């Protein structure tokens, strides 16, 4: 009886490990696909991301019906110095009139350790009551198509049609995924 119970628990633990590994692999694949799309749209971003302290890539699916909407997604933050990966989640809340489904990907580029660590370790709230404000910035050609969202942080938003002209992020929370780390 004890042997059967031990074997059952071992199988359940192995299945959970396989599920975590599968989800991590899917997120890594999404991140690489997103980066390749970004590099194709703006070739200079490849060097900018490689030389940055770190970056994060997220995939988001949002639904808006009449007066409000919601979205969620998963992503990956990578410290370029240590190559350490942190799996993360995001959730967003939208207000205003509208209807539809929106799928997009977001890439954050972190110029320094403090900005990266703040994002990964404390989570981030973007928009709403946050003190972050998206504003057009100028960092030469390397960050073409990006928006400066705070000191040392750049954001690209990609849709199926390429780089988005309008950057959105109102009511978005980014945080560590405890199940995948």
N, C-alpha and C. Protein backbone atom coordinates (compact mmCIF):
# COMPACT_ATOMS: atom_id res chain seq x y z
N UNK A 1 0.83 -1.19 0.00
CA UNK A 1 0.00 0.00 0.00
C UNK A 1 0.87 1.25 0.00
N UNK A 2 1.88 1.29 0.89
CA UNK A 2 2.77 2.44 0.97
C UNK A 2 3.53 2.66 -0.33
N UNK A 3 3.98 1.56 -0.95
CA UNK A 3 4.72 1.65 -2.21
C UNK A 3 3.82 2.22 -3.30
N UNK A 4 2.57 1.78 -3.36
CA UNK A 4 1.63 2.27 -4.36
C UNK A 4 1.38 3.77 -4.17
N UNK A 5 1.21 4.19 -2.91
CA UNK A 5 1.00 5.61 -2.61
C UNK A 5 2.22 6.43 -2.99
N UNK A 6 3.40 5.95 -2.68
CA UNK A 6 4.64 6.65 -3.02
C UNK A 6 4.79 6.76 -4.53
N UNK A 7 4.48 5.71 -5.25
CA UNK A 7 4.56 5.74 -6.72
C UNK A 7 3.56 6.74 -7.29
N UNK A 8 2.34 6.76 -6.75
CA UNK A 8 1.32 7.71 -7.21
C UNK A 8 1.76 9.15 -6.99
N UNK A 9 2.28 9.43 -5.81
CA UNK A 9 2.76 10.80 -5.51
C UNK A 9 3.92 11.17 -6.42
N UNK A 10 4.78 10.24 -6.70
CA UNK A 10 5.91 10.49 -7.58
C UNK A 10 5.44 10.81 -9.00
N UNK A 11 4.43 10.08 -9.49
CA UNK A 11 3.88 10.35 -10.82
C UNK A 11 3.22 11.72 -10.89
N UNK A 12 2.48 12.09 -9.85
CA UNK A 12 1.83 13.41 -9.80
C UNK A 12 2.89 14.52 -9.80
N UNK A 13 3.92 14.38 -9.00
CA UNK A 13 5.00 15.38 -8.94
C UNK A 13 5.71 15.48 -10.28
N UNK A 14 5.95 14.34 -10.93
CA UNK A 14 6.61 14.34 -12.24
C UNK A 14 5.75 15.03 -13.29
N UNK A 15 4.43 14.77 -13.26
CA UNK A 15 3.51 15.41 -14.20
C UNK A 15 3.50 16.92 -13.99
N UNK A 16 3.51 17.35 -12.72
CA UNK A 16 3.54 18.80 -12.43
C UNK A 16 4.84 19.42 -12.93
N UNK A 17 5.96 18.74 -12.73
CA UNK A 17 7.25 19.24 -13.23
C UNK A 17 7.24 19.36 -14.75
N UNK A 18 6.65 18.36 -15.43
CA UNK A 18 6.56 18.39 -16.89
C UNK A 18 5.69 19.55 -17.35
N UNK A 19 4.59 19.82 -16.63
CA UNK A 19 3.70 20.93 -16.97
C UNK A 19 4.43 22.27 -16.81
N UNK A 20 5.17 22.44 -15.74
CA UNK A 20 5.94 23.66 -15.52
C UNK A 20 6.97 23.83 -16.64
N UNK A 21 7.70 22.77 -16.96
CA UNK A 21 8.71 22.84 -18.02
C UNK A 21 8.06 23.17 -19.36
N UNK A 22 6.88 22.62 -19.63
CA UNK A 22 6.17 22.89 -20.88
C UNK A 22 5.76 24.36 -20.96
N UNK A 23 5.22 24.89 -19.86
CA UNK A 23 4.82 26.30 -19.84
C UNK A 23 6.03 27.22 -20.00
N UNK A 24 7.13 26.90 -19.33
CA UNK A 24 8.34 27.70 -19.46
C UNK A 24 8.83 27.69 -20.91
N UNK A 25 8.81 26.53 -21.54
CA UNK A 25 9.25 26.41 -22.93
C UNK A 25 8.36 27.26 -23.85
N UNK A 26 7.04 27.23 -23.63
CA UNK A 26 6.12 28.03 -24.44
C UNK A 26 6.39 29.53 -24.28
N UNK A 27 6.66 29.96 -23.06
CA UNK A 27 6.94 31.38 -22.82
C UNK A 27 8.26 31.78 -23.46
N UNK A 28 9.28 30.94 -23.34
CA UNK A 28 10.57 31.23 -24.00
C UNK A 28 10.39 31.34 -25.51
N UNK A 29 9.62 30.44 -26.08
CA UNK A 29 9.36 30.45 -27.52
C UNK A 29 8.63 31.72 -27.94
N UNK A 30 7.62 32.12 -27.16
CA UNK A 30 6.89 33.36 -27.45
C UNK A 30 7.83 34.55 -27.39
N UNK A 31 8.70 34.58 -26.38
CA UNK A 31 9.64 35.69 -26.22
C UNK A 31 10.60 35.77 -27.40
N UNK A 32 11.14 34.64 -27.83
CA UNK A 32 12.06 34.64 -28.97
C UNK A 32 11.36 35.06 -30.25
N UNK A 33 10.13 34.58 -30.45
CA UNK A 33 9.35 34.97 -31.62
C UNK A 33 9.08 36.47 -31.62
N UNK A 34 8.73 37.00 -30.46
CA UNK A 34 8.46 38.44 -30.33
C UNK A 34 9.71 39.25 -30.63
N UNK A 35 10.84 38.84 -30.07
CA UNK A 35 12.10 39.57 -30.32
C UNK A 35 12.45 39.53 -31.81
N UNK A 36 12.28 38.39 -32.46
CA UNK A 36 12.58 38.30 -33.89
C UNK A 36 11.68 39.24 -34.70
N UNK A 37 10.40 39.32 -34.32
CA UNK A 37 9.48 40.25 -34.99
C UNK A 37 9.90 41.70 -34.78
N UNK A 38 10.35 42.02 -33.54
CA UNK A 38 10.80 43.37 -33.24
C UNK A 38 12.07 43.69 -34.04
N UNK A 39 13.02 42.77 -34.08
CA UNK A 39 14.26 42.99 -34.82
C UNK A 39 13.99 43.19 -36.31
N UNK A 40 13.00 42.49 -36.83
CA UNK A 40 12.64 42.65 -38.25
C UNK A 40 12.02 44.03 -38.50
N UNK A 41 11.16 44.47 -37.56
CA UNK A 41 10.51 45.77 -37.70
C UNK A 41 11.47 46.93 -37.47
N UNK A 42 12.38 46.77 -36.51
CA UNK A 42 13.36 47.81 -36.15
C UNK A 42 14.71 47.13 -35.92
N UNK A 43 15.52 46.92 -36.96
CA UNK A 43 16.77 46.16 -36.85
C UNK A 43 17.74 46.66 -35.77
N UNK A 44 17.77 47.95 -35.49
CA UNK A 44 18.70 48.47 -34.50
C UNK A 44 18.37 48.05 -33.07
N UNK A 45 17.14 47.55 -32.86
CA UNK A 45 16.76 47.15 -31.51
C UNK A 45 17.53 45.93 -31.03
N UNK A 46 18.03 45.12 -31.94
CA UNK A 46 18.76 43.91 -31.53
C UNK A 46 19.99 44.28 -30.71
N UNK A 47 20.78 45.21 -31.20
CA UNK A 47 21.97 45.64 -30.46
C UNK A 47 21.58 46.35 -29.17
N UNK A 48 20.52 47.15 -29.23
CA UNK A 48 20.08 47.88 -28.03
C UNK A 48 19.68 46.90 -26.93
N UNK A 49 18.96 45.84 -27.28
CA UNK A 49 18.51 44.87 -26.28
C UNK A 49 19.70 44.04 -25.78
N UNK A 50 20.59 43.65 -26.67
CA UNK A 50 21.76 42.88 -26.25
C UNK A 50 22.67 43.65 -25.30
N UNK A 51 22.74 44.97 -25.46
CA UNK A 51 23.62 45.79 -24.62
C UNK A 51 22.91 46.37 -23.39
N UNK A 52 21.60 46.18 -23.30
CA UNK A 52 20.83 46.68 -22.16
C UNK A 52 21.12 45.81 -20.93
N UNK A 53 20.80 46.33 -19.76
CA UNK A 53 20.96 45.54 -18.53
C UNK A 53 20.07 44.30 -18.58
N UNK A 54 18.87 44.46 -19.12
CA UNK A 54 17.94 43.35 -19.22
C UNK A 54 16.73 43.73 -20.04
N UNK A 55 15.85 42.77 -20.23
CA UNK A 55 14.63 43.01 -21.00
C UNK A 55 13.53 42.08 -20.49
N UNK A 56 12.30 42.39 -20.87
CA UNK A 56 11.16 41.55 -20.53
C UNK A 56 10.23 41.52 -21.73
N UNK A 57 9.63 40.37 -21.97
CA UNK A 57 8.72 40.18 -23.10
C UNK A 57 7.43 39.56 -22.58
N UNK A 58 6.29 40.13 -22.98
CA UNK A 58 4.98 39.63 -22.55
C UNK A 58 4.05 39.49 -23.74
N UNK A 59 3.17 38.51 -23.65
CA UNK A 59 2.09 38.32 -24.59
C UNK A 59 0.80 38.60 -23.83
N UNK A 60 -0.09 39.38 -24.43
CA UNK A 60 -1.33 39.77 -23.75
C UNK A 60 -2.52 39.53 -24.66
N UNK A 61 -3.59 39.03 -24.07
CA UNK A 61 -4.86 38.89 -24.77
C UNK A 61 -5.89 39.65 -23.96
N UNK A 62 -6.49 40.67 -24.59
CA UNK A 62 -7.47 41.49 -23.89
C UNK A 62 -8.82 41.43 -24.56
N UNK A 63 -9.88 41.53 -23.75
CA UNK A 63 -11.25 41.54 -24.25
C UNK A 63 -11.94 42.77 -23.69
N UNK A 64 -12.60 43.51 -24.56
CA UNK A 64 -13.33 44.70 -24.12
C UNK A 64 -14.77 44.58 -24.59
N UNK A 65 -15.70 44.73 -23.65
CA UNK A 65 -17.12 44.64 -23.97
C UNK A 65 -17.82 45.84 -23.33
N UNK A 66 -18.38 46.69 -24.16
CA UNK A 66 -19.11 47.89 -23.76
C UNK A 66 -18.28 48.83 -22.89
N UNK A 67 -18.47 48.83 -21.56
CA UNK A 67 -17.86 49.84 -20.71
C UNK A 67 -16.55 49.44 -20.07
N UNK A 68 -16.12 48.22 -20.24
CA UNK A 68 -14.89 47.80 -19.58
C UNK A 68 -14.27 46.60 -20.26
N UNK A 69 -13.08 46.31 -19.81
CA UNK A 69 -12.39 45.17 -20.37
C UNK A 69 -11.32 44.66 -19.43
N UNK A 70 -10.79 43.52 -19.80
CA UNK A 70 -9.74 42.92 -19.00
C UNK A 70 -8.80 42.17 -19.93
N UNK A 71 -7.63 41.91 -19.43
CA UNK A 71 -6.66 41.14 -20.20
C UNK A 71 -5.68 40.49 -19.26
N UNK A 72 -5.02 39.48 -19.77
CA UNK A 72 -3.97 38.86 -18.98
C UNK A 72 -2.95 38.24 -19.91
N UNK A 73 -1.80 37.94 -19.35
CA UNK A 73 -0.76 37.34 -20.15
C UNK A 73 0.38 36.85 -19.30
N UNK A 74 1.36 36.30 -19.98
CA UNK A 74 2.55 35.78 -19.31
C UNK A 74 3.77 36.29 -20.05
N UNK A 75 4.88 36.25 -19.34
CA UNK A 75 6.10 36.73 -19.96
C UNK A 75 7.33 36.28 -19.23
N UNK A 76 8.42 36.88 -19.65
CA UNK A 76 9.74 36.48 -19.19
C UNK A 76 10.62 37.72 -19.09
N UNK A 77 11.29 37.88 -17.95
CA UNK A 77 12.28 38.95 -17.79
C UNK A 77 13.65 38.29 -17.75
N UNK A 78 14.60 38.86 -18.49
CA UNK A 78 15.94 38.28 -18.58
C UNK A 78 16.98 39.31 -18.19
N UNK A 79 17.83 38.95 -17.23
CA UNK A 79 18.97 39.77 -16.84
C UNK A 79 20.10 39.41 -17.80
N UNK A 80 20.49 40.35 -18.65
CA UNK A 80 21.53 40.07 -19.64
C UNK A 80 22.89 39.80 -19.03
N UNK A 81 23.13 40.31 -17.84
CA UNK A 81 24.44 40.11 -17.19
C UNK A 81 24.59 38.68 -16.67
N UNK A 82 23.57 38.21 -15.95
CA UNK A 82 23.64 36.88 -15.33
C UNK A 82 22.94 35.81 -16.17
N UNK A 83 22.15 36.23 -17.16
CA UNK A 83 21.33 35.34 -17.99
C UNK A 83 20.19 34.68 -17.20
N UNK A 84 19.93 35.17 -15.98
CA UNK A 84 18.85 34.63 -15.15
C UNK A 84 17.50 35.02 -15.74
N UNK A 85 16.59 34.05 -15.80
CA UNK A 85 15.24 34.28 -16.29
C UNK A 85 14.26 34.31 -15.12
N UNK A 86 13.31 35.24 -15.18
CA UNK A 86 12.24 35.29 -14.20
C UNK A 86 10.92 35.25 -14.98
N UNK A 87 10.12 34.23 -14.71
CA UNK A 87 8.83 34.11 -15.37
C UNK A 87 7.84 35.00 -14.63
N UNK A 88 7.01 35.70 -15.42
CA UNK A 88 6.12 36.69 -14.84
C UNK A 88 4.72 36.58 -15.43
N UNK A 89 3.77 37.24 -14.77
CA UNK A 89 2.40 37.34 -15.23
C UNK A 89 2.04 38.81 -15.37
N UNK A 90 0.96 39.06 -16.08
CA UNK A 90 0.41 40.40 -16.16
C UNK A 90 -1.11 40.30 -16.18
N UNK A 91 -1.72 41.34 -15.65
CA UNK A 91 -3.18 41.45 -15.69
C UNK A 91 -3.50 42.92 -15.93
N UNK A 92 -4.55 43.17 -16.69
CA UNK A 92 -4.92 44.56 -16.96
C UNK A 92 -6.41 44.76 -16.87
N UNK A 93 -6.78 45.98 -16.54
CA UNK A 93 -8.17 46.39 -16.47
C UNK A 93 -8.31 47.66 -17.30
N UNK A 94 -9.34 47.69 -18.13
CA UNK A 94 -9.57 48.84 -19.01
C UNK A 94 -10.93 49.43 -18.72
N UNK A 95 -11.05 50.73 -18.92
CA UNK A 95 -12.34 51.41 -18.80
C UNK A 95 -12.59 52.19 -20.07
N UNK A 96 -13.85 52.41 -20.38
CA UNK A 96 -14.20 53.18 -21.56
C UNK A 96 -15.04 52.34 -22.51
N UNK A 97 -15.65 53.02 -23.46
CA UNK A 97 -16.50 52.35 -24.44
C UNK A 97 -15.67 51.58 -25.45
N UNK A 98 -16.19 50.45 -25.86
CA UNK A 98 -15.52 49.69 -26.90
C UNK A 98 -15.95 48.24 -26.88
N UNK A 99 -15.52 47.53 -27.91
CA UNK A 99 -15.83 46.12 -28.01
C UNK A 99 -14.76 45.48 -28.88
N UNK A 100 -14.30 44.33 -28.47
CA UNK A 100 -13.36 43.60 -29.31
C UNK A 100 -12.35 42.81 -28.51
N UNK A 101 -11.53 42.09 -29.26
CA UNK A 101 -10.47 41.29 -28.70
C UNK A 101 -9.17 41.82 -29.26
N UNK A 102 -8.19 42.02 -28.40
CA UNK A 102 -6.92 42.59 -28.81
C UNK A 102 -5.79 41.69 -28.32
N UNK A 103 -4.94 41.28 -29.24
CA UNK A 103 -3.80 40.47 -28.87
C UNK A 103 -2.55 41.23 -29.27
N UNK A 104 -1.66 41.42 -28.31
CA UNK A 104 -0.43 42.12 -28.62
C UNK A 104 0.70 41.62 -27.73
N UNK A 105 1.89 42.06 -28.06
CA UNK A 105 3.07 41.68 -27.28
C UNK A 105 3.81 42.96 -26.90
N UNK A 106 4.42 42.91 -25.72
CA UNK A 106 5.13 44.06 -25.19
C UNK A 106 6.56 43.65 -24.87
N UNK A 107 7.50 44.53 -25.23
CA UNK A 107 8.91 44.32 -24.90
C UNK A 107 9.37 45.52 -24.09
N UNK A 108 9.90 45.26 -22.89
CA UNK A 108 10.51 46.31 -22.08
C UNK A 108 12.02 46.15 -22.17
N UNK A 109 12.72 47.26 -22.29
CA UNK A 109 14.19 47.27 -22.31
C UNK A 109 14.64 48.11 -21.12
N UNK A 110 15.51 47.53 -20.29
CA UNK A 110 15.96 48.18 -19.06
C UNK A 110 17.41 48.62 -19.22
N UNK A 111 17.65 49.91 -19.09
CA UNK A 111 18.99 50.47 -19.24
C UNK A 111 19.90 50.19 -18.06
N UNK A 112 19.30 49.96 -16.87
CA UNK A 112 20.13 49.84 -15.68
C UNK A 112 19.58 48.80 -14.71
N UNK A 113 20.42 48.42 -13.75
CA UNK A 113 20.09 47.39 -12.77
C UNK A 113 18.92 47.79 -11.89
N UNK A 114 18.88 49.04 -11.47
CA UNK A 114 17.82 49.48 -10.57
C UNK A 114 16.45 49.36 -11.24
N UNK A 115 16.33 49.80 -12.48
CA UNK A 115 15.06 49.73 -13.19
C UNK A 115 14.63 48.27 -13.39
N UNK A 116 15.57 47.41 -13.76
CA UNK A 116 15.27 45.99 -13.96
C UNK A 116 14.83 45.33 -12.66
N UNK A 117 15.59 45.52 -11.60
CA UNK A 117 15.27 44.89 -10.32
C UNK A 117 13.95 45.38 -9.75
N UNK A 118 13.66 46.65 -9.94
CA UNK A 118 12.39 47.22 -9.48
C UNK A 118 11.22 46.51 -10.18
N UNK A 119 11.36 46.31 -11.48
CA UNK A 119 10.32 45.65 -12.26
C UNK A 119 10.14 44.20 -11.82
N UNK A 120 11.22 43.46 -11.72
CA UNK A 120 11.15 42.03 -11.42
C UNK A 120 10.79 41.76 -9.97
N UNK A 121 11.42 42.43 -9.04
CA UNK A 121 11.27 42.10 -7.63
C UNK A 121 10.09 42.74 -6.93
N UNK A 122 9.67 43.90 -7.40
CA UNK A 122 8.56 44.58 -6.73
C UNK A 122 7.28 44.54 -7.55
N UNK A 123 7.39 44.10 -8.78
CA UNK A 123 6.22 44.16 -9.65
C UNK A 123 6.03 45.58 -10.11
N UNK A 124 5.11 45.76 -10.99
CA UNK A 124 4.93 47.08 -11.58
C UNK A 124 3.48 47.32 -11.86
N UNK A 125 3.02 48.48 -11.57
CA UNK A 125 1.69 48.90 -11.96
C UNK A 125 1.86 50.00 -12.98
N UNK A 126 1.19 49.84 -14.10
CA UNK A 126 1.35 50.78 -15.20
C UNK A 126 0.03 51.46 -15.46
N UNK A 127 0.01 52.79 -15.36
CA UNK A 127 -1.21 53.53 -15.63
C UNK A 127 -2.04 53.72 -14.37
N UNK A 128 -3.27 54.19 -14.54
CA UNK A 128 -4.17 54.40 -13.41
C UNK A 128 -3.57 55.33 -12.38
N UNK A 129 -3.42 54.88 -11.14
CA UNK A 129 -2.88 55.69 -10.06
C UNK A 129 -1.34 55.71 -10.06
N UNK A 130 -0.75 55.02 -10.99
CA UNK A 130 0.71 54.92 -11.03
C UNK A 130 1.34 56.27 -11.36
N UNK A 131 2.58 56.44 -10.96
CA UNK A 131 3.30 57.65 -11.29
C UNK A 131 4.02 57.53 -12.64
N UNK A 132 3.92 56.35 -13.27
CA UNK A 132 4.54 56.18 -14.57
C UNK A 132 3.70 56.89 -15.62
N UNK A 133 4.37 57.49 -16.58
CA UNK A 133 3.66 58.15 -17.66
C UNK A 133 4.36 57.84 -18.96
N UNK A 134 3.62 57.32 -19.92
CA UNK A 134 4.21 57.03 -21.22
C UNK A 134 4.40 58.35 -21.95
N UNK A 135 5.61 58.57 -22.43
CA UNK A 135 5.89 59.79 -23.17
C UNK A 135 6.92 59.47 -24.24
N UNK A 136 6.84 60.16 -25.33
CA UNK A 136 7.80 59.94 -26.40
C UNK A 136 9.16 60.40 -25.93
N UNK A 137 10.16 59.60 -26.19
CA UNK A 137 11.52 59.94 -25.79
C UNK A 137 12.45 59.85 -26.97
N UNK A 138 13.63 60.42 -26.82
CA UNK A 138 14.60 60.39 -27.89
C UNK A 138 15.90 59.78 -27.38
N UNK A 139 16.23 58.60 -27.90
CA UNK A 139 17.49 57.95 -27.54
C UNK A 139 18.23 57.55 -28.79
N UNK A 140 18.08 58.34 -29.82
CA UNK A 140 18.75 58.02 -31.06
C UNK A 140 18.03 56.90 -31.79
N UNK A 141 18.64 56.40 -32.83
CA UNK A 141 18.02 55.39 -33.66
C UNK A 141 17.86 54.04 -33.00
N UNK A 142 18.65 53.74 -31.96
CA UNK A 142 18.58 52.42 -31.35
C UNK A 142 17.23 52.14 -30.73
N UNK A 143 16.53 53.16 -30.25
CA UNK A 143 15.23 52.97 -29.62
C UNK A 143 14.09 53.50 -30.48
N UNK A 144 14.28 53.52 -31.79
CA UNK A 144 13.23 53.97 -32.68
C UNK A 144 11.99 53.10 -32.48
N UNK A 145 10.84 53.75 -32.38
CA UNK A 145 9.60 53.03 -32.19
C UNK A 145 9.27 52.73 -30.74
N UNK A 146 10.18 53.08 -29.83
CA UNK A 146 9.95 52.82 -28.40
C UNK A 146 9.39 54.05 -27.72
N UNK A 147 8.81 53.81 -26.56
CA UNK A 147 8.30 54.88 -25.72
C UNK A 147 9.01 54.77 -24.38
N UNK A 148 9.51 55.89 -23.86
CA UNK A 148 10.11 55.90 -22.53
C UNK A 148 8.97 55.87 -21.52
N UNK A 149 8.95 54.83 -20.67
CA UNK A 149 7.86 54.71 -19.69
C UNK A 149 8.30 55.10 -18.29
N UNK A 150 9.57 55.12 -18.04
CA UNK A 150 10.14 55.65 -16.80
C UNK A 150 11.64 55.76 -17.01
N UNK A 151 12.34 56.27 -16.01
CA UNK A 151 13.77 56.47 -16.13
C UNK A 151 14.47 55.13 -16.37
N UNK A 152 15.12 55.00 -17.52
CA UNK A 152 15.86 53.79 -17.83
C UNK A 152 15.04 52.64 -18.36
N UNK A 153 13.76 52.89 -18.71
CA UNK A 153 12.89 51.83 -19.21
C UNK A 153 12.22 52.28 -20.51
N UNK A 154 12.37 51.44 -21.52
CA UNK A 154 11.75 51.67 -22.83
C UNK A 154 10.75 50.56 -23.09
N UNK A 155 9.70 50.87 -23.83
CA UNK A 155 8.67 49.87 -24.12
C UNK A 155 8.32 49.89 -25.60
N UNK A 156 8.26 48.70 -26.17
CA UNK A 156 7.76 48.50 -27.54
C UNK A 156 6.48 47.69 -27.42
N UNK A 157 5.50 48.03 -28.23
CA UNK A 157 4.27 47.23 -28.28
C UNK A 157 4.10 46.77 -29.72
N UNK A 158 3.97 45.47 -29.90
CA UNK A 158 3.80 44.90 -31.23
C UNK A 158 2.41 44.31 -31.36
N UNK A 159 1.81 44.54 -32.51
CA UNK A 159 0.54 43.91 -32.85
C UNK A 159 0.82 42.99 -34.03
N UNK A 160 -0.20 42.34 -34.53
CA UNK A 160 -0.02 41.48 -35.70
C UNK A 160 0.45 42.27 -36.92
N UNK A 161 0.25 43.57 -36.89
CA UNK A 161 0.62 44.42 -38.02
C UNK A 161 2.00 45.05 -37.85
N UNK A 162 2.72 44.74 -36.78
CA UNK A 162 4.04 45.31 -36.55
C UNK A 162 4.05 46.15 -35.29
N UNK A 163 4.88 47.17 -35.26
CA UNK A 163 4.96 48.05 -34.10
C UNK A 163 3.69 48.88 -34.00
N UNK A 164 3.16 49.02 -32.81
CA UNK A 164 1.96 49.81 -32.59
C UNK A 164 2.32 51.29 -32.58
N UNK A 165 1.47 52.10 -33.17
CA UNK A 165 1.66 53.54 -33.15
C UNK A 165 1.29 54.08 -31.78
N UNK A 166 0.25 53.52 -31.20
CA UNK A 166 -0.23 53.97 -29.90
C UNK A 166 0.15 52.95 -28.84
N UNK A 167 0.74 53.40 -27.77
CA UNK A 167 1.15 52.53 -26.68
C UNK A 167 0.08 52.56 -25.61
N UNK A 168 -0.35 51.39 -25.17
CA UNK A 168 -1.34 51.33 -24.11
C UNK A 168 -0.79 50.54 -22.94
N UNK A 169 -1.26 50.84 -21.79
CA UNK A 169 -0.81 50.12 -20.60
C UNK A 169 -1.62 50.46 -19.38
N UNK A 170 -2.68 51.18 -19.56
CA UNK A 170 -3.46 51.65 -18.43
C UNK A 170 -4.01 50.49 -17.61
N UNK A 171 -3.76 50.54 -16.31
CA UNK A 171 -4.29 49.54 -15.41
C UNK A 171 -3.64 48.19 -15.53
N UNK A 172 -2.35 48.14 -15.85
CA UNK A 172 -1.67 46.86 -16.04
C UNK A 172 -0.73 46.60 -14.87
N UNK A 173 -0.77 45.38 -14.34
CA UNK A 173 0.09 44.95 -13.24
C UNK A 173 0.98 43.82 -13.73
N UNK A 174 2.29 43.95 -13.50
CA UNK A 174 3.28 42.92 -13.84
C UNK A 174 3.84 42.38 -12.53
N UNK A 175 3.96 41.05 -12.43
CA UNK A 175 4.45 40.45 -11.19
C UNK A 175 5.00 39.05 -11.46
N UNK A 176 5.81 38.55 -10.51
CA UNK A 176 6.43 37.23 -10.65
C UNK A 176 5.36 36.13 -10.67
N UNK A 177 5.64 35.12 -11.47
CA UNK A 177 4.78 33.93 -11.52
C UNK A 177 5.37 32.89 -10.58
N UNK A 178 4.82 32.79 -9.39
CA UNK A 178 5.35 31.89 -8.36
C UNK A 178 5.30 30.42 -8.80
N UNK A 179 4.38 30.07 -9.67
CA UNK A 179 4.26 28.67 -10.11
C UNK A 179 5.36 28.27 -11.09
N UNK A 180 5.95 29.23 -11.80
CA UNK A 180 6.95 28.89 -12.82
C UNK A 180 8.39 29.23 -12.45
N UNK A 181 8.59 29.87 -11.31
CA UNK A 181 9.96 30.22 -10.91
C UNK A 181 10.49 29.25 -9.87
